[in-house]
Protein backbone atom coordinates (compact mmCIF):
# COMPACT_ATOMS: atom_id res chain seq x y z
CA MET A 1 1.04 -18.20 16.04
CA TYR A 2 -0.92 -15.60 17.86
CA GLY A 3 -3.41 -17.79 19.33
CA ARG A 4 -6.18 -15.89 18.04
CA PRO A 5 -7.18 -14.42 14.53
CA ILE A 6 -4.60 -12.84 13.03
CA ARG A 7 -5.80 -9.30 12.17
CA VAL A 8 -4.92 -7.92 8.61
CA ALA A 9 -6.12 -3.88 8.21
CA THR A 10 -6.77 -2.66 5.09
CA ARG A 11 -8.46 0.48 3.80
CA SER A 12 -12.59 -0.22 3.24
CA SER A 13 -13.48 0.40 -0.01
CA ALA A 14 -14.87 -2.85 -2.57
CA LEU A 15 -11.76 -2.36 -3.89
CA SER A 16 -9.45 -2.95 -1.13
CA LEU A 17 -11.90 -5.95 0.44
CA SER A 18 -11.20 -7.76 -3.11
CA GLN A 19 -7.21 -7.46 -2.39
CA VAL A 20 -7.16 -8.05 1.46
CA ARG A 21 -8.92 -11.38 0.86
CA GLU A 22 -6.23 -11.90 -2.68
CA ALA A 23 -3.65 -11.46 0.22
CA ILE A 24 -5.12 -13.42 2.40
CA ASN A 25 -5.40 -16.31 0.12
CA LEU A 26 -1.50 -16.37 -0.22
CA LEU A 27 -1.00 -15.58 3.45
CA LYS A 28 -2.81 -18.95 4.19
CA THR A 29 -0.28 -21.36 1.76
CA VAL A 30 2.36 -20.63 4.44
CA LEU A 31 0.12 -19.77 7.63
CA SER A 32 -2.36 -22.70 6.34
CA GLU A 33 -3.19 -23.54 10.55
CA GLU A 34 -3.75 -19.52 11.31
CA THR A 35 -7.37 -17.74 10.84
CA PHE A 36 -7.22 -14.12 10.03
CA GLU A 37 -9.72 -11.08 10.77
CA ILE A 38 -9.99 -8.31 8.42
CA VAL A 39 -9.96 -5.03 10.20
CA SER A 40 -11.08 -1.93 7.96
CA ILE A 41 -9.99 1.30 8.61
CA ASP A 42 -10.43 4.44 6.73
CA SER A 43 -7.50 6.41 5.75
CA GLU A 44 -6.92 9.59 5.80
CA GLY A 45 -7.56 10.24 1.80
CA ASP A 46 -11.04 8.46 2.12
CA ARG A 47 -11.92 11.21 5.22
CA HIS A 48 -10.99 13.86 3.05
CA LYS A 49 -13.57 12.79 -0.34
CA LEU A 50 -13.78 16.66 -1.21
CA ALA A 51 -9.91 17.01 -1.48
CA PRO A 52 -8.54 16.89 -4.99
CA LEU A 53 -5.77 14.28 -5.31
CA SER A 54 -3.62 16.66 -6.47
CA SER A 55 -3.37 18.04 -3.23
CA MET A 56 -2.59 14.81 -1.52
CA LYS A 57 0.95 12.98 -1.07
CA ARG A 58 1.55 9.56 -1.62
CA GLY A 59 0.61 8.11 1.44
CA MET A 60 -3.09 9.37 2.46
CA PHE A 61 -4.22 5.82 1.51
CA SER A 62 -2.27 4.14 3.35
CA ARG A 63 -0.64 6.30 6.77
CA ARG A 64 -3.36 5.67 9.05
CA ILE A 65 -2.91 1.99 8.48
CA GLU A 66 0.44 1.63 8.94
CA GLN A 67 -0.08 3.63 11.98
CA ALA A 68 -2.28 0.75 13.48
CA LEU A 69 0.61 -1.50 12.91
CA MET A 70 2.62 0.09 13.99
CA GLU A 71 1.30 0.65 17.24
CA GLY A 72 -0.13 -2.85 17.14
CA GLU A 73 -3.77 -2.65 16.86
CA VAL A 74 -3.39 -5.22 13.60
CA ASP A 75 -0.92 -7.83 13.30
CA LEU A 76 -0.10 -7.12 9.23
CA ALA A 77 -1.04 -4.50 6.83
CA VAL A 78 -2.31 -4.93 2.79
CA HIS A 79 -1.99 -1.80 0.50
CA SER A 80 -2.38 -1.28 -3.41
CA ALA A 81 1.05 -0.76 -3.44
CA LYS A 82 1.51 2.28 -5.33
CA ASP A 83 -0.18 3.94 -1.96
CA VAL A 84 3.19 3.55 0.19
CA PRO A 85 5.60 6.10 -0.12
CA SER A 86 8.88 4.60 -0.93
CA GLU A 87 10.36 5.28 2.67
CA LEU A 88 8.17 2.88 5.55
CA PRO A 89 7.84 3.93 8.70
CA ASP A 90 10.28 2.88 11.52
CA GLY A 91 9.67 -0.85 12.10
CA LEU A 92 7.71 -1.45 9.25
CA LEU A 93 8.75 -4.55 6.67
CA ILE A 94 7.58 -5.22 2.99
CA ALA A 95 6.64 -8.99 3.54
CA GLY A 96 5.75 -9.01 -0.04
CA TYR A 97 3.44 -8.87 -3.25
CA THR A 98 0.23 -11.12 -4.33
CA LYS A 99 0.86 -11.67 -8.12
CA ARG A 100 0.48 -8.42 -10.27
CA LEU A 101 -2.59 -7.96 -12.55
CA ASP A 102 -3.19 -6.16 -15.53
CA SER A 103 -1.31 -2.62 -14.77
CA ARG A 104 -2.54 -0.53 -17.61
CA ASP A 105 -4.69 2.02 -17.47
CA VAL A 106 -8.21 2.12 -19.45
CA LEU A 107 -10.74 4.20 -21.03
CA VAL A 108 -14.78 3.15 -19.80
CA HIS A 109 -16.94 5.48 -21.98
CA LYS A 110 -20.17 4.78 -24.15
CA GLY A 111 -18.36 4.41 -27.37
CA LEU A 112 -16.04 2.39 -28.54
CA GLU A 113 -13.26 4.55 -29.31
CA SER A 114 -9.27 4.54 -28.77
CA LEU A 115 -7.87 7.41 -27.45
CA SER A 116 -6.53 7.90 -31.20
CA GLU A 117 -10.23 8.11 -31.78
CA LEU A 118 -12.04 10.23 -28.85
CA PRO A 119 -13.82 13.46 -30.71
CA LYS A 120 -12.23 16.60 -30.22
CA GLY A 121 -13.48 18.40 -26.91
CA PHE A 122 -14.16 14.77 -25.35
CA ARG A 123 -14.18 15.27 -21.24
CA LEU A 124 -11.66 12.66 -19.69
CA GLY A 125 -12.26 12.24 -16.29
CA THR A 126 -9.40 11.97 -14.19
CA SER A 127 -7.60 13.15 -10.66
CA SER A 128 -4.30 11.57 -11.67
CA GLN A 129 -1.67 14.22 -12.93
CA ARG A 130 0.40 11.53 -14.31
CA ARG A 131 -2.89 10.35 -16.45
CA ALA A 132 -3.43 13.89 -17.16
CA SER A 133 0.29 14.75 -18.29
CA GLN A 134 0.24 11.96 -20.63
CA ILE A 135 -2.87 12.14 -22.00
CA LEU A 136 -2.89 15.27 -22.92
CA ASN A 137 0.31 15.18 -24.26
CA ILE A 138 -0.74 12.70 -26.90
CA ARG A 139 -4.33 14.53 -27.44
CA PRO A 140 -4.38 18.31 -26.26
CA ASP A 141 -7.68 18.64 -27.54
CA ILE A 142 -9.99 16.44 -25.43
CA SER A 143 -10.77 18.09 -21.57
CA ILE A 144 -9.68 16.55 -18.23
CA VAL A 145 -12.02 16.92 -15.49
CA PRO A 146 -10.90 16.11 -12.27
CA VAL A 147 -13.16 13.76 -10.82
CA ARG A 148 -12.74 11.62 -7.54
CA GLY A 149 -14.43 8.58 -5.47
CA ASN A 150 -13.85 4.85 -5.72
CA VAL A 151 -14.18 2.50 -8.98
CA ASP A 152 -17.98 1.55 -8.71
CA THR A 153 -18.53 5.58 -7.84
CA ARG A 154 -16.02 6.76 -11.60
CA MET A 155 -17.60 4.05 -13.37
CA LEU A 156 -21.26 5.49 -13.03
CA LEU A 157 -20.01 9.12 -14.53
CA PRO A 158 -19.54 8.42 -18.05
CA GLY A 159 -22.86 10.07 -19.90
CA LYS A 160 -24.11 11.89 -16.61
CA GLY A 161 -23.33 15.49 -17.70
CA VAL A 162 -19.90 15.41 -15.72
CA VAL A 163 -17.75 13.97 -18.27
CA ASP A 164 -17.86 11.63 -21.13
CA GLY A 165 -15.58 8.80 -20.16
CA VAL A 166 -13.09 7.93 -17.15
CA VAL A 167 -9.21 6.79 -17.05
CA LEU A 168 -9.12 4.21 -14.40
CA ALA A 169 -6.44 0.95 -14.00
CA ALA A 170 -7.40 -2.33 -15.22
CA SER A 171 -6.44 -4.01 -12.24
CA GLY A 172 -9.07 -2.72 -10.40
CA LEU A 173 -11.82 -3.59 -12.69
CA ILE A 174 -10.43 -7.18 -13.02
CA ARG A 175 -10.68 -7.33 -9.20
CA LEU A 176 -13.76 -6.20 -9.27
CA GLY A 177 -14.99 -8.54 -11.71
CA ARG A 178 -16.16 -5.65 -14.09
CA SER A 179 -13.29 -5.90 -17.34
CA ASN A 180 -15.90 -6.52 -19.23
CA GLU A 181 -16.60 -2.88 -18.76
CA ILE A 182 -13.48 -1.44 -20.35
CA THR A 183 -13.74 -0.03 -23.67
CA CYS A 184 -10.14 -0.05 -24.97
CA TYR A 185 -6.63 -0.76 -22.89
CA LEU A 186 -4.11 2.31 -23.01
CA SER A 187 -0.03 0.55 -23.91
CA VAL A 188 2.71 2.27 -21.76
CA GLU A 189 4.18 4.60 -24.43
CA GLU A 190 0.08 6.47 -24.33
CA SER A 191 -0.01 6.24 -20.20
CA LEU A 192 3.09 4.79 -18.54
CA PRO A 193 1.42 3.20 -15.07
CA ASP A 194 2.03 4.65 -11.68
CA VAL A 195 4.67 2.66 -9.34
CA GLY A 196 3.13 -0.35 -8.01
CA GLN A 197 -0.01 -0.56 -10.05
CA GLY A 198 -1.40 -3.43 -10.22
CA ALA A 199 0.40 -4.89 -6.92
CA VAL A 200 -0.94 -5.59 -3.77
CA MET A 201 1.91 -5.20 -1.00
CA ILE A 202 1.94 -6.73 2.36
CA GLN A 203 3.35 -5.18 5.66
CA CYS A 204 4.24 -6.29 9.07
CA ARG A 205 6.70 -5.79 11.83
CA ASP A 206 7.97 -8.98 12.61
CA LYS A 207 11.40 -9.80 10.59
CA ALA A 208 10.83 -13.90 11.02
CA LEU A 209 7.39 -13.22 10.10
CA GLN A 210 8.64 -11.19 7.16
CA SER A 211 10.91 -14.13 6.02
CA LEU A 212 7.99 -16.61 6.41
CA LEU A 213 5.54 -14.93 4.40
CA LYS A 214 8.30 -13.61 1.84
CA SER A 215 8.09 -17.01 0.74
CA ALA A 216 5.09 -17.08 -0.42
CA GLY A 217 4.55 -13.98 -2.25
CA ASP A 218 5.33 -13.52 -6.14
CA MET A 219 8.92 -13.12 -6.55
CA GLU A 220 8.37 -11.37 -10.45
CA THR A 221 6.23 -8.79 -8.74
CA SER A 222 8.74 -8.19 -5.92
CA VAL A 223 11.48 -7.26 -8.25
CA ARG A 224 9.72 -5.06 -10.74
CA ILE A 225 8.20 -3.36 -7.84
CA THR A 226 11.61 -2.87 -6.27
CA ALA A 227 12.78 -1.43 -9.22
CA GLU A 228 9.26 0.57 -9.78
CA ARG A 229 10.41 1.86 -6.00
CA SER A 230 14.19 2.52 -6.26
CA PHE A 231 12.91 5.33 -8.87
CA LEU A 232 10.06 6.66 -6.27
CA SER A 233 13.09 6.75 -3.69
CA GLU A 234 15.24 8.89 -6.17
CA ILE A 235 12.70 11.51 -6.49
CA GLN A 236 10.80 11.34 -3.94
CA GLY A 237 7.33 11.82 -5.57
CA GLY A 238 3.80 12.01 -4.66
CA CYS A 239 0.84 10.38 -5.30
CA SER A 240 -0.15 13.31 -7.48
CA SER A 241 3.12 14.02 -9.39
CA PRO A 242 3.21 13.74 -13.20
CA ALA A 243 5.93 10.92 -12.84
CA ALA A 244 5.69 7.45 -13.63
CA ALA A 245 7.81 4.20 -13.74
CA TYR A 246 7.26 0.84 -14.53
CA ALA A 247 9.27 -2.06 -14.68
CA GLU A 248 9.36 -5.87 -16.79
CA ILE A 249 11.31 -8.71 -16.75
CA VAL A 250 12.72 -10.06 -20.06
CA ALA A 251 15.24 -12.82 -20.11
CA ASP A 252 16.63 -12.40 -16.61
CA GLU A 253 16.99 -8.17 -17.13
CA ILE A 254 14.78 -5.56 -15.60
CA VAL A 255 13.56 -3.20 -18.18
CA LEU A 256 12.67 -0.21 -16.79
CA ARG A 257 10.86 2.87 -18.39
CA ALA A 258 10.20 6.01 -16.70
CA MET A 259 8.46 9.36 -17.89
CA ILE A 260 8.03 13.05 -15.85
CA GLY A 261 6.19 15.84 -17.48
CA THR A 262 3.92 18.96 -16.47
CA SER A 263 0.33 18.68 -15.56
CA ASP A 264 -0.91 20.22 -18.69
CA GLY A 265 0.98 17.78 -21.05
CA SER A 266 3.24 19.97 -22.24
CA GLU A 267 5.96 18.64 -21.35
CA VAL A 268 6.65 14.63 -21.21
CA TYR A 269 10.42 13.37 -20.90
CA ARG A 270 10.89 9.40 -21.31
CA SER A 271 13.29 7.22 -20.28
CA CYS A 272 14.06 3.61 -20.47
CA ILE A 273 16.83 1.60 -18.93
CA ARG A 274 17.92 -2.67 -18.81
CA LEU A 275 19.95 -3.84 -15.86
CA PRO A 276 20.52 -7.89 -14.54
CA ALA A 277 17.29 -8.62 -12.59
CA ASP A 278 19.57 -8.52 -9.55
CA ARG A 279 20.56 -5.18 -9.78
CA ALA A 280 16.79 -3.77 -9.22
CA CYS A 281 17.49 -1.61 -6.80
CA GLU A 282 19.89 0.65 -8.67
CA SER A 283 17.63 0.83 -11.50
CA GLY A 284 15.85 4.14 -10.20
CA LYS A 285 18.71 6.36 -10.39
CA SER A 286 19.94 4.50 -14.09
CA VAL A 287 16.60 5.36 -15.39
CA LEU A 288 16.30 8.96 -13.79
CA GLU A 289 19.84 9.67 -15.24
CA GLY A 290 18.33 9.05 -18.37
CA LEU A 291 15.50 11.26 -18.16
CA VAL A 292 18.51 13.98 -16.99
CA GLU A 293 19.71 13.41 -20.16
CA ALA A 294 16.20 13.50 -21.60
CA GLY A 295 16.09 17.23 -20.47
CA ALA A 296 13.63 16.96 -17.79
CA SER A 297 16.39 18.11 -15.13
CA HIS A 298 14.48 21.38 -14.47
CA LEU A 299 10.98 19.18 -13.42
CA ILE A 300 12.95 17.06 -11.11
CA GLY A 301 14.14 20.02 -8.70
CA SER A 302 17.20 20.34 -6.34
CA GLU A 303 18.65 17.28 -4.49
CA ASN A 304 16.84 19.17 -1.08
CA ASP A 305 13.72 19.51 -3.35
CA LYS A 306 12.23 16.63 -4.94
CA SER A 307 8.60 17.04 -4.09
CA TRP A 308 7.86 18.41 -7.61
């Protein structure tokens, strides 16, 4: 196709490298004669390691990689789907997704307690306002401690004096072969996953290549993430915003759940809608209307200011 290895860009973390290898294995099913070269790129988020995630908008971990793709430095880009904003840069296309892994959030700590069983005053590490909002809504008597770092770094924190436990994505631990270290899984009722959590997105520039690669991608994952990203498009939420959407396919229907809340957990609003699976693109608007009906309009903002 190119007369040389196909260059695939991703972040340089261990998890990102695991994800790009997963994507390349998928790509080889339709590009069996091609070879691939992984190009590791430090994102803006990676370069600002001391900045709190709450100060960063969705896109801080994908923008530099997308720029390399737009400028022709690489041929494809691979991202955690949750890192990619709802609006893609001009000229970039979603070429598909690998099969989504377990999307739930998980607790990792030294004991065996579930969220409801954690002792009062337990220090739980996360920089995600989405996680903090939902957890504090259920357990206002525990402490949320902002922590940053890659998965391996955060896994070392419990019991070291900073935090007693951490909240992570199950999919990341599964991809790194560390699922046996999970203490307990949080249900989607306890902590609704982030838009795209657990899925790996492949981007390209060429429509013909997009058509070819989409035939290899996981279609169920594509429909589910399309529904979740339609919600993201409606609210224009940043990566640290206390909002979430999670879609499942049940009997040829999309079941889309969404939440929005305050960072201190004092307010959390939820909505759930069902639509035919072929109307995934419309589901975001419908579930947002449900949040408004639930009383969340003051958190959503005006039509011209949906950044909250």
